Amino acid sequence: MAAGGTIYVFLYHEKYKVVKLFFYLTMGFSPALVETSMSNTERLHELACGGLIYFLGVVFFKNDGIIPFAHVIWHLFMATAAAVHYYATWKYLYPSPTDFMRHL
């Protein structure tokens, strides 16, 4: 999604703002969609929280130029949401070394 957004900005810049919004929301909520397809989701709520942070950041994205420093605040939301998604992936989807040894 980040690569698609970069290509879009390079080609169209500010022409279709709805497309940019679609990219950001898809990037935020697609990891949470993985959670809905899993049978054991009790430990993966961080993915949904990351999507919610992306969603809340859209408020600042849409109010750029109206709210002072909205673009910077939006980037902080995006970085936080990406960190939450990374943490959830690292913590829950990759086995710890002790879990790996237990399966041998």
PDB file of N, CA and C in Angstrom:
ATOM      1  N   MET A   1       0.829  -1.195   0.000  1.00  0.00           N
ATOM      2  CA  MET A   1       0.000   0.000   0.000  1.00  0.00           C
ATOM      3  C   MET A   1       0.870   1.254   0.000  1.00  0.00           C
ATOM      4  N   ALA A   2       1.977   1.213   0.727  1.00  0.00           N
ATOM      5  CA  ALA A   2       2.845   2.390   0.744  1.00  0.00           C
ATOM      6  C   ALA A   2       3.437   2.630  -0.641  1.00  0.00           C
ATOM      7  N   ALA A   3       3.827   1.555  -1.329  1.00  0.00           N
ATOM      8  CA  ALA A   3       4.373   1.708  -2.678  1.00  0.00           C
ATOM      9  C   ALA A   3       3.307   2.250  -3.633  1.00  0.00           C
ATOM     10  N   GLY A   4       2.088   1.725  -3.522  1.00  0.00           N
ATOM     11  CA  GLY A   4       0.997   2.223  -4.361  1.00  0.00           C
ATOM     12  C   GLY A   4       0.701   3.685  -4.093  1.00  0.00           C
ATOM     13  N   GLY A   5       0.725   4.074  -2.825  1.00  0.00           N
ATOM     14  CA  GLY A   5       0.510   5.478  -2.480  1.00  0.00           C
ATOM     15  C   GLY A   5       1.611   6.378  -3.011  1.00  0.00           C
ATOM     16  N   THR A   6       2.848   5.896  -2.960  1.00  0.00           N
ATOM     17  CA  THR A   6       3.977   6.674  -3.470  1.00  0.00           C
ATOM     18  C   THR A   6       3.861   6.866  -4.975  1.00  0.00           C
ATOM     19  N   ILE A   7       3.518   5.802  -5.679  1.00  0.00           N
ATOM     20  CA  ILE A   7       3.348   5.905  -7.137  1.00  0.00           C
ATOM     21  C   ILE A   7       2.202   6.858  -7.472  1.00  0.00           C
ATOM     22  N   TYR A   8       1.107   6.743  -6.718  1.00  0.00           N
ATOM     23  CA  TYR A   8      -0.027   7.642  -6.953  1.00  0.00           C
ATOM     24  C   TYR A   8       0.384   9.109  -6.778  1.00  0.00           C
ATOM     25  N   VAL A   9       1.069   9.417  -5.680  1.00  0.00           N
ATOM     26  CA  VAL A   9       1.469  10.803  -5.417  1.00  0.00           C
ATOM     27  C   VAL A   9       2.410  11.288  -6.517  1.00  0.00           C
ATOM     28  N   PHE A  10       3.307  10.429  -6.976  1.00  0.00           N
ATOM     29  CA  PHE A  10       4.234  10.813  -8.038  1.00  0.00           C
ATOM     30  C   PHE A  10       3.492  11.132  -9.333  1.00  0.00           C
ATOM     31  N   LEU A  11       2.472  10.330  -9.649  1.00  0.00           N
ATOM     32  CA  LEU A  11       1.766  10.514 -10.917  1.00  0.00           C
ATOM     33  C   LEU A  11       0.666  11.570 -10.863  1.00  0.00           C
ATOM     34  N   TYR A  12      -0.080  11.609  -9.758  1.00  0.00           N
ATOM     35  CA  TYR A  12      -1.279  12.456  -9.712  1.00  0.00           C
ATOM     36  C   TYR A  12      -1.247  13.535  -8.644  1.00  0.00           C
ATOM     37  N   HIS A  13      -0.343  13.456  -7.700  1.00  0.00           N
ATOM     38  CA  HIS A  13      -0.164  14.391  -6.594  1.00  0.00           C
ATOM     39  C   HIS A  13      -1.483  14.738  -5.893  1.00  0.00           C
ATOM     40  N   GLU A  14      -2.092  15.840  -6.164  1.00  0.00           N
ATOM     41  CA  GLU A  14      -3.290  16.279  -5.433  1.00  0.00           C
ATOM     42  C   GLU A  14      -4.568  16.157  -6.253  1.00  0.00           C
ATOM     43  N   LYS A  15      -4.543  15.416  -7.334  1.00  0.00           N
ATOM     44  CA  LYS A  15      -5.684  15.398  -8.237  1.00  0.00           C
ATOM     45  C   LYS A  15      -6.888  14.653  -7.658  1.00  0.00           C
ATOM     46  N   TYR A  16      -6.673  13.459  -7.101  1.00  0.00           N
ATOM     47  CA  TYR A  16      -7.770  12.641  -6.576  1.00  0.00           C
ATOM     48  C   TYR A  16      -7.523  12.349  -5.097  1.00  0.00           C
ATOM     49  N   LYS A  17      -7.958  13.241  -4.229  1.00  0.00           N
ATOM     50  CA  LYS A  17      -7.698  13.082  -2.796  1.00  0.00           C
ATOM     51  C   LYS A  17      -8.430  11.879  -2.197  1.00  0.00           C
ATOM     52  N   VAL A  18      -9.537  11.487  -2.794  1.00  0.00           N
ATOM     53  CA  VAL A  18     -10.280  10.338  -2.284  1.00  0.00           C
ATOM     54  C   VAL A  18      -9.459   9.057  -2.449  1.00  0.00           C
ATOM     55  N   VAL A  19      -8.669   8.987  -3.510  1.00  0.00           N
ATOM     56  CA  VAL A  19      -7.821   7.814  -3.723  1.00  0.00           C
ATOM     57  C   VAL A  19      -6.769   7.730  -2.627  1.00  0.00           C
ATOM     58  N   LYS A  20      -6.173   8.855  -2.269  1.00  0.00           N
ATOM     59  CA  LYS A  20      -5.201   8.867  -1.173  1.00  0.00           C
ATOM     60  C   LYS A  20      -5.857   8.419   0.120  1.00  0.00           C
ATOM     61  N   LEU A  21      -7.050   8.893   0.381  1.00  0.00           N
ATOM     62  CA  LEU A  21      -7.771   8.502   1.583  1.00  0.00           C
ATOM     63  C   LEU A  21      -8.044   7.000   1.580  1.00  0.00           C
ATOM     64  N   PHE A  22      -8.426   6.456   0.429  1.00  0.00           N
ATOM     65  CA  PHE A  22      -8.654   5.017   0.309  1.00  0.00           C
ATOM     66  C   PHE A  22      -7.386   4.231   0.610  1.00  0.00           C
ATOM     67  N   PHE A  23      -6.246   4.683   0.096  1.00  0.00           N
ATOM     68  CA  PHE A  23      -4.979   4.008   0.374  1.00  0.00           C
ATOM     69  C   PHE A  23      -4.682   3.974   1.870  1.00  0.00           C
ATOM     70  N   TYR A  24      -4.853   5.099   2.548  1.00  0.00           N
ATOM     71  CA  TYR A  24      -4.530   5.159   3.970  1.00  0.00           C
ATOM     72  C   TYR A  24      -5.457   4.274   4.794  1.00  0.00           C
ATOM     73  N   LEU A  25      -6.741   4.315   4.499  1.00  0.00           N
ATOM     74  CA  LEU A  25      -7.680   3.485   5.264  1.00  0.00           C
ATOM     75  C   LEU A  25      -7.484   1.995   4.980  1.00  0.00           C
ATOM     76  N   THR A  26      -7.187   1.655   3.748  1.00  0.00           N
ATOM     77  CA  THR A  26      -6.921   0.251   3.423  1.00  0.00           C
ATOM     78  C   THR A  26      -5.670  -0.226   4.130  1.00  0.00           C
ATOM     79  N   MET A  27      -4.651   0.600   4.145  1.00  0.00           N
ATOM     80  CA  MET A  27      -3.417   0.236   4.828  1.00  0.00           C
ATOM     81  C   MET A  27      -3.658   0.061   6.326  1.00  0.00           C
ATOM     82  N   GLY A  28      -4.551   0.829   6.879  1.00  0.00           N
ATOM     83  CA  GLY A  28      -4.826   0.736   8.310  1.00  0.00           C
ATOM     84  C   GLY A  28      -5.673  -0.454   8.690  1.00  0.00           C
ATOM     85  N   PHE A  29      -6.660  -0.782   7.876  1.00  0.00           N
ATOM     86  CA  PHE A  29      -7.611  -1.819   8.271  1.00  0.00           C
ATOM     87  C   PHE A  29      -7.325  -3.196   7.697  1.00  0.00           C
ATOM     88  N   SER A  30      -6.485  -3.318   6.687  1.00  0.00           N
ATOM     89  CA  SER A  30      -6.247  -4.645   6.112  1.00  0.00           C
ATOM     90  C   SER A  30      -5.606  -5.623   7.097  1.00  0.00           C
ATOM     91  N   PRO A  31      -4.678  -5.223   7.984  1.00  0.00           N
ATOM     92  CA  PRO A  31      -4.187  -6.203   8.962  1.00  0.00           C
ATOM     93  C   PRO A  31      -5.280  -6.690   9.917  1.00  0.00           C
ATOM     94  N   ALA A  32      -6.228  -5.844  10.235  1.00  0.00           N
ATOM     95  CA  ALA A  32      -7.313  -6.268  11.122  1.00  0.00           C
ATOM     96  C   ALA A  32      -8.234  -7.267  10.424  1.00  0.00           C
ATOM     97  N   LEU A  33      -8.309  -7.191   9.093  1.00  0.00           N
ATOM     98  CA  LEU A  33      -9.121  -8.169   8.358  1.00  0.00           C
ATOM     99  C   LEU A  33      -8.542  -9.566   8.479  1.00  0.00           C
ATOM    100  N   VAL A  34      -7.221  -9.667   8.606  1.00  0.00           N
ATOM    101  CA  VAL A  34      -6.583 -10.964   8.824  1.00  0.00           C
ATOM    102  C   VAL A  34      -7.075 -11.556  10.138  1.00  0.00           C
ATOM    103  N   GLU A  35      -7.215 -10.704  11.133  1.00  0.00           N
ATOM    104  CA  GLU A  35      -7.658 -11.154  12.445  1.00  0.00           C
ATOM    105  C   GLU A  35      -9.046 -11.774  12.377  1.00  0.00           C
ATOM    106  N   THR A  36      -9.930 -11.237  11.561  1.00  0.00           N
ATOM    107  CA  THR A  36     -11.293 -11.766  11.506  1.00  0.00           C
ATOM    108  C   THR A  36     -11.346 -13.152  10.884  1.00  0.00           C
ATOM    109  N   SER A  37     -10.336 -13.528  10.104  1.00  0.00           N
ATOM    110  CA  SER A  37     -10.330 -14.852   9.488  1.00  0.00           C
ATOM    111  C   SER A  37      -9.662 -15.901  10.369  1.00  0.00           C
ATOM    112  N   MET A  38      -9.104 -15.513  11.497  1.00  0.00           N
ATOM    113  CA  MET A  38      -8.415 -16.460  12.372  1.00  0.00           C
ATOM    114  C   MET A  38      -9.367 -17.015  13.415  1.00  0.00           C
ATOM    115  N   SER A  39      -9.103 -18.246  13.836  1.00  0.00           N
ATOM    116  CA  SER A  39      -9.974 -18.862  14.834  1.00  0.00           C
ATOM    117  C   SER A  39      -9.669 -18.366  16.244  1.00  0.00           C
ATOM    118  N   ASN A  40      -8.407 -18.094  16.559  1.00  0.00           N
ATOM    119  CA  ASN A  40      -8.027 -17.621  17.887  1.00  0.00           C
ATOM    120  C   ASN A  40      -7.557 -16.181  17.779  1.00  0.00           C
ATOM    121  N   THR A  41      -8.423 -15.257  18.100  1.00  0.00           N
ATOM    122  CA  THR A  41      -8.095 -13.829  17.961  1.00  0.00           C
ATOM    123  C   THR A  41      -7.918 -13.126  19.292  1.00  0.00           C
ATOM    124  N   GLU A  42      -7.828 -13.856  20.366  1.00  0.00           N
ATOM    125  CA  GLU A  42      -7.807 -13.202  21.677  1.00  0.00           C
ATOM    126  C   GLU A  42      -6.572 -12.343  21.917  1.00  0.00           C
ATOM    127  N   ARG A  43      -5.478 -12.626  21.209  1.00  0.00           N
ATOM    128  CA  ARG A  43      -4.257 -11.857  21.451  1.00  0.00           C
ATOM    129  C   ARG A  43      -3.919 -10.895  20.320  1.00  0.00           C
ATOM    130  N   LEU A  44      -4.794 -10.711  19.348  1.00  0.00           N
ATOM    131  CA  LEU A  44      -4.455  -9.887  18.197  1.00  0.00           C
ATOM    132  C   LEU A  44      -5.231  -8.571  18.127  1.00  0.00           C
ATOM    133  N   HIS A  45      -5.624  -8.055  19.244  1.00  0.00           N
ATOM    134  CA  HIS A  45      -6.397  -6.814  19.247  1.00  0.00           C
ATOM    135  C   HIS A  45      -5.547  -5.595  18.871  1.00  0.00           C
ATOM    136  N   GLU A  46      -4.228  -5.748  18.953  1.00  0.00           N
ATOM    137  CA  GLU A  46      -3.363  -4.634  18.559  1.00  0.00           C
ATOM    138  C   GLU A  46      -3.540  -4.285  17.080  1.00  0.00           C
ATOM    139  N   LEU A  47      -3.836  -5.294  16.247  1.00  0.00           N
ATOM    140  CA  LEU A  47      -4.068  -5.008  14.828  1.00  0.00           C
ATOM    141  C   LEU A  47      -5.281  -4.104  14.650  1.00  0.00           C
ATOM    142  N   ALA A  48      -6.340  -4.399  15.389  1.00  0.00           N
ATOM    143  CA  ALA A  48      -7.531  -3.545  15.315  1.00  0.00           C
ATOM    144  C   ALA A  48      -7.237  -2.158  15.883  1.00  0.00           C
ATOM    145  N   CYS A  49      -6.446  -2.093  16.946  1.00  0.00           N
ATOM    146  CA  CYS A  49      -6.086  -0.788  17.524  1.00  0.00           C
ATOM    147  C   CYS A  49      -5.256   0.037  16.537  1.00  0.00           C
ATOM    148  N   GLY A  50      -4.342  -0.618  15.823  1.00  0.00           N
ATOM    149  CA  GLY A  50      -3.561   0.086  14.811  1.00  0.00           C
ATOM    150  C   GLY A  50      -4.458   0.653  13.721  1.00  0.00           C
ATOM    151  N   GLY A  51      -5.446  -0.126  13.284  1.00  0.00           N
ATOM    152  CA  GLY A  51      -6.397   0.364  12.287  1.00  0.00           C
ATOM    153  C   GLY A  51      -7.190   1.544  12.795  1.00  0.00           C
ATOM    154  N   LEU A  52      -7.557   1.498  14.073  1.00  0.00           N
ATOM    155  CA  LEU A  52      -8.298   2.612  14.667  1.00  0.00           C
ATOM    156  C   LEU A  52      -7.429   3.872  14.716  1.00  0.00           C
ATOM    157  N   ILE A  53      -6.144   3.700  15.006  1.00  0.00           N
ATOM    158  CA  ILE A  53      -5.244   4.858  15.036  1.00  0.00           C
ATOM    159  C   ILE A  53      -5.113   5.460  13.637  1.00  0.00           C
ATOM    160  N   TYR A  54      -4.988   4.595  12.609  1.00  0.00           N
ATOM    161  CA  TYR A  54      -4.985   5.099  11.228  1.00  0.00           C
ATOM    162  C   TYR A  54      -6.266   5.892  10.955  1.00  0.00           C
ATOM    163  N   PHE A  55      -7.398   5.338  11.360  1.00  0.00           N
ATOM    164  CA  PHE A  55      -8.682   5.973  11.120  1.00  0.00           C
ATOM    165  C   PHE A  55      -8.761   7.332  11.809  1.00  0.00           C
ATOM    166  N   LEU A  56      -8.318   7.415  13.061  1.00  0.00           N
ATOM    167  CA  LEU A  56      -8.344   8.689  13.783  1.00  0.00           C
ATOM    168  C   LEU A  56      -7.410   9.712  13.133  1.00  0.00           C
ATOM    169  N   GLY A  57      -6.312   9.249  12.563  1.00  0.00           N
ATOM    170  CA  GLY A  57      -5.394  10.153  11.876  1.00  0.00           C
ATOM    171  C   GLY A  57      -6.008  10.794  10.651  1.00  0.00           C
ATOM    172  N   VAL A  58      -6.999  10.135  10.061  1.00  0.00           N
ATOM    173  CA  VAL A  58      -7.660  10.683   8.871  1.00  0.00           C
ATOM    174  C   VAL A  58      -8.334  12.017   9.184  1.00  0.00           C
ATOM    175  N   VAL A  59      -8.749  12.219  10.412  1.00  0.00           N
ATOM    176  CA  VAL A  59      -9.354  13.505  10.806  1.00  0.00           C
ATOM    177  C   VAL A  59      -8.368  14.639  10.510  1.00  0.00           C
ATOM    178  N   PHE A  60      -7.111  14.418  10.854  1.00  0.00           N
ATOM    179  CA  PHE A  60      -6.098  15.454  10.616  1.00  0.00           C
ATOM    180  C   PHE A  60      -5.718  15.514   9.142  1.00  0.00           C
ATOM    181  N   PHE A  61      -5.716  14.367   8.481  1.00  0.00           N
ATOM    182  CA  PHE A  61      -5.414  14.337   7.044  1.00  0.00           C
ATOM    183  C   PHE A  61      -6.430  15.178   6.269  1.00  0.00           C
ATOM    184  N   LYS A  62      -7.695  15.059   6.601  1.00  0.00           N
ATOM    185  CA  LYS A  62      -8.746  15.789   5.894  1.00  0.00           C
ATOM    186  C   LYS A  62      -8.803  17.263   6.295  1.00  0.00           C
ATOM    187  N   ASN A  63      -8.227  17.619   7.444  1.00  0.00           N
ATOM    188  CA  ASN A  63      -8.261  19.004   7.906  1.00  0.00           C
ATOM    189  C   ASN A  63      -6.920  19.709   7.741  1.00  0.00           C
ATOM    190  N   ASP A  64      -6.109  19.201   6.824  1.00  0.00           N
ATOM    191  CA  ASP A  64      -4.823  19.840   6.557  1.00  0.00           C
ATOM    192  C   ASP A  64      -5.076  21.242   6.002  1.00  0.00           C
ATOM    193  N   GLY A  65      -4.445  22.235   6.597  1.00  0.00           N
ATOM    194  CA  GLY A  65      -4.662  23.625   6.199  1.00  0.00           C
ATOM    195  C   GLY A  65      -5.698  24.317   7.068  1.00  0.00           C
ATOM    196  N   ILE A  66      -6.498  23.545   7.787  1.00  0.00           N
ATOM    197  CA  ILE A  66      -7.508  24.108   8.693  1.00  0.00           C
ATOM    198  C   ILE A  66      -6.995  24.054  10.130  1.00  0.00           C
ATOM    199  N   ILE A  67      -6.523  22.878  10.540  1.00  0.00           N
ATOM    200  CA  ILE A  67      -5.938  22.695  11.869  1.00  0.00           C
ATOM    201  C   ILE A  67      -4.436  22.951  11.748  1.00  0.00           C
ATOM    202  N   PRO A  68      -3.888  23.812  12.620  1.00  0.00           N
ATOM    203  CA  PRO A  68      -2.442  24.069  12.553  1.00  0.00           C
ATOM    204  C   PRO A  68      -1.643  22.776  12.761  1.00  0.00           C
ATOM    205  N   PHE A  69      -0.630  22.572  11.959  1.00  0.00           N
ATOM    206  CA  PHE A  69       0.244  21.400  12.021  1.00  0.00           C
ATOM    207  C   PHE A  69      -0.505  20.078  11.815  1.00  0.00           C
ATOM    208  N   ALA A  70      -1.621  20.110  11.120  1.00  0.00           N
ATOM    209  CA  ALA A  70      -2.427  18.895  10.921  1.00  0.00           C
ATOM    210  C   ALA A  70      -1.643  17.832  10.168  1.00  0.00           C
ATOM    211  N   HIS A  71      -0.844  18.234   9.209  1.00  0.00           N
ATOM    212  CA  HIS A  71      -0.093  17.251   8.429  1.00  0.00           C
ATOM    213  C   HIS A  71       0.939  16.528   9.298  1.00  0.00           C
ATOM    214  N   VAL A  72       1.601  17.281  10.170  1.00  0.00           N
ATOM    215  CA  VAL A  72       2.576  16.684  11.089  1.00  0.00           C
ATOM    216  C   VAL A  72       1.866  15.754  12.059  1.00  0.00           C
ATOM    217  N   ILE A  73       0.744  16.193  12.599  1.00  0.00           N
ATOM    218  CA  ILE A  73      -0.024  15.364  13.531  1.00  0.00           C
ATOM    219  C   ILE A  73      -0.487  14.092  12.831  1.00  0.00           C
ATOM    220  N   TRP A  74      -0.909  14.215  11.569  1.00  0.00           N
ATOM    221  CA  TRP A  74      -1.336  13.046  10.807  1.00  0.00           C
ATOM    222  C   TRP A  74      -0.182  12.053  10.667  1.00  0.00           C
ATOM    223  N   HIS A  75       1.020  12.548  10.373  1.00  0.00           N
ATOM    224  CA  HIS A  75       2.177  11.661  10.258  1.00  0.00           C
ATOM    225  C   HIS A  75       2.478  10.969  11.587  1.00  0.00           C
ATOM    226  N   LEU A  76       2.283  11.650  12.687  1.00  0.00           N
ATOM    227  CA  LEU A  76       2.484  11.009  13.996  1.00  0.00           C
ATOM    228  C   LEU A  76       1.485   9.873  14.207  1.00  0.00           C
ATOM    229  N   PHE A  77       0.238  10.076  13.802  1.00  0.00           N
ATOM    230  CA  PHE A  77      -0.753   9.005  13.881  1.00  0.00           C
ATOM    231  C   PHE A  77      -0.342   7.826  13.005  1.00  0.00           C
ATOM    232  N   MET A  78       0.130   8.110  11.793  1.00  0.00           N
ATOM    233  CA  MET A  78       0.521   7.037  10.873  1.00  0.00           C
ATOM    234  C   MET A  78       1.705   6.252  11.425  1.00  0.00           C
ATOM    235  N   ALA A  79       2.694   6.955  11.968  1.00  0.00           N
ATOM    236  CA  ALA A  79       3.869   6.279  12.526  1.00  0.00           C
ATOM    237  C   ALA A  79       3.487   5.433  13.743  1.00  0.00           C
ATOM    238  N   THR A  80       2.604   5.954  14.579  1.00  0.00           N
ATOM    239  CA  THR A  80       2.154   5.204  15.751  1.00  0.00           C
ATOM    240  C   THR A  80       1.381   3.962  15.329  1.00  0.00           C
ATOM    241  N   ALA A  81       0.490   4.106  14.369  1.00  0.00           N
ATOM    242  CA  ALA A  81      -0.293   2.959  13.901  1.00  0.00           C
ATOM    243  C   ALA A  81       0.607   1.901  13.281  1.00  0.00           C
ATOM    244  N   ALA A  82       1.584   2.315  12.495  1.00  0.00           N
ATOM    245  CA  ALA A  82       2.515   1.358  11.903  1.00  0.00           C
ATOM    246  C   ALA A  82       3.322   0.642  12.978  1.00  0.00           C
ATOM    247  N   ALA A  83       3.717   1.369  14.027  1.00  0.00           N
ATOM    248  CA  ALA A  83       4.450   0.750  15.131  1.00  0.00           C
ATOM    249  C   ALA A  83       3.581  -0.263  15.869  1.00  0.00           C
ATOM    250  N   VAL A  84       2.311   0.051  16.055  1.00  0.00           N
ATOM    251  CA  VAL A  84       1.401  -0.887  16.718  1.00  0.00           C
ATOM    252  C   VAL A  84       1.226  -2.142  15.864  1.00  0.00           C
ATOM    253  N   HIS A  85       1.081  -1.988  14.555  1.00  0.00           N
ATOM    254  CA  HIS A  85       0.976  -3.150  13.668  1.00  0.00           C
ATOM    255  C   HIS A  85       2.257  -3.977  13.691  1.00  0.00           C
ATOM    256  N   TYR A  86       3.403  -3.328  13.681  1.00  0.00           N
ATOM    257  CA  TYR A  86       4.677  -4.033  13.730  1.00  0.00           C
ATOM    258  C   TYR A  86       4.801  -4.810  15.039  1.00  0.00           C
ATOM    259  N   TYR A  87       4.462  -4.172  16.145  1.00  0.00           N
ATOM    260  CA  TYR A  87       4.533  -4.823  17.452  1.00  0.00           C
ATOM    261  C   TYR A  87       3.637  -6.060  17.493  1.00  0.00           C
ATOM    262  N   ALA A  88       2.416  -5.943  16.996  1.00  0.00           N
ATOM    263  CA  ALA A  88       1.491  -7.080  17.019  1.00  0.00           C
ATOM    264  C   ALA A  88       2.038  -8.233  16.185  1.00  0.00           C
ATOM    265  N   THR A  89       2.606  -7.924  15.039  1.00  0.00           N
ATOM    266  CA  THR A  89       3.182  -8.964  14.191  1.00  0.00           C
ATOM    267  C   THR A  89       4.360  -9.623  14.881  1.00  0.00           C
ATOM    268  N   TRP A  90       5.233  -8.817  15.437  1.00  0.00           N
ATOM    269  CA  TRP A  90       6.418  -9.337  16.107  1.00  0.00           C
ATOM    270  C   TRP A  90       6.046 -10.180  17.324  1.00  0.00           C
ATOM    271  N   LYS A  91       5.114  -9.727  18.109  1.00  0.00           N
ATOM    272  CA  LYS A  91       4.787 -10.397  19.366  1.00  0.00           C
ATOM    273  C   LYS A  91       3.963 -11.665  19.168  1.00  0.00           C
ATOM    274  N   TYR A  92       2.993 -11.651  18.274  1.00  0.00           N
ATOM    275  CA  TYR A  92       2.037 -12.744  18.208  1.00  0.00           C
ATOM    276  C   TYR A  92       2.199 -13.682  17.020  1.00  0.00           C
ATOM    277  N   LEU A  93       2.756 -13.213  15.926  1.00  0.00           N
ATOM    278  CA  LEU A  93       2.815 -14.058  14.747  1.00  0.00           C
ATOM    279  C   LEU A  93       4.150 -14.770  14.568  1.00  0.00           C
ATOM    280  N   TYR A  94       5.198 -14.269  15.216  1.00  0.00           N
ATOM    281  CA  TYR A  94       6.478 -14.947  15.165  1.00  0.00           C
ATOM    282  C   TYR A  94       6.687 -15.689  16.474  1.00  0.00           C
ATOM    283  N   PRO A  95       7.046 -16.963  16.417  1.00  0.00           N
ATOM    284  CA  PRO A  95       7.214 -17.724  17.657  1.00  0.00           C
ATOM    285  C   PRO A  95       8.455 -17.274  18.419  1.00  0.00           C
ATOM    286  N   SER A  96       8.370 -17.381  19.721  1.00  0.00           N
ATOM    287  CA  SER A  96       9.539 -17.083  20.537  1.00  0.00           C
ATOM    288  C   SER A  96      10.505 -18.268  20.432  1.00  0.00           C
ATOM    289  N   PRO A  97      11.768 -18.074  20.770  1.00  0.00           N
ATOM    290  CA  PRO A  97      12.720 -19.191  20.688  1.00  0.00           C
ATOM    291  C   PRO A  97      12.312 -20.381  21.544  1.00  0.00           C
ATOM    292  N   THR A  98      11.701 -20.140  22.690  1.00  0.00           N
ATOM    293  CA  THR A  98      11.274 -21.263  23.544  1.00  0.00           C
ATOM    294  C   THR A  98      10.133 -22.038  22.896  1.00  0.00           C
ATOM    295  N   ASP A  99       9.219 -21.339  22.214  1.00  0.00           N
ATOM    296  CA  ASP A  99       8.151 -22.036  21.499  1.00  0.00           C
ATOM    297  C   ASP A  99       8.711 -22.867  20.356  1.00  0.00           C
ATOM    298  N   PHE A 100       9.713 -22.327  19.677  1.00  0.00           N
ATOM    299  CA  PHE A 100      10.328 -23.046  18.571  1.00  0.00           C
ATOM    300  C   PHE A 100      10.994 -24.338  19.066  1.00  0.00           C
ATOM    301  N   MET A 101      11.700 -24.257  20.162  1.00  0.00           N
ATOM    302  CA  MET A 101      12.387 -25.436  20.696  1.00  0.00           C
ATOM    303  C   MET A 101      11.401 -26.484  21.201  1.00  0.00           C
ATOM    304  N   ARG A 102      10.253 -26.045  21.685  1.00  0.00           N
ATOM    305  CA  ARG A 102       9.233 -26.966  22.189  1.00  0.00           C
ATOM    306  C   ARG A 102       8.670 -27.837  21.061  1.00  0.00           C
ATOM    307  N   HIS A 103       8.632 -27.298  19.855  1.00  0.00           N
ATOM    308  CA  HIS A 103       8.079 -28.048  18.713  1.00  0.00           C
ATOM    309  C   HIS A 103       9.076 -29.017  18.089  1.00  0.00           C
ATOM    310  N   LEU A 104      10.347 -28.926  18.488  1.00  0.00           N
ATOM    311  CA  LEU A 104      11.366 -29.839  17.934  1.00  0.00           C
ATOM    312  C   LEU A 104      11.299 -31.149  18.596  1.00  0.00           C
TER     313      LEU A 104
END
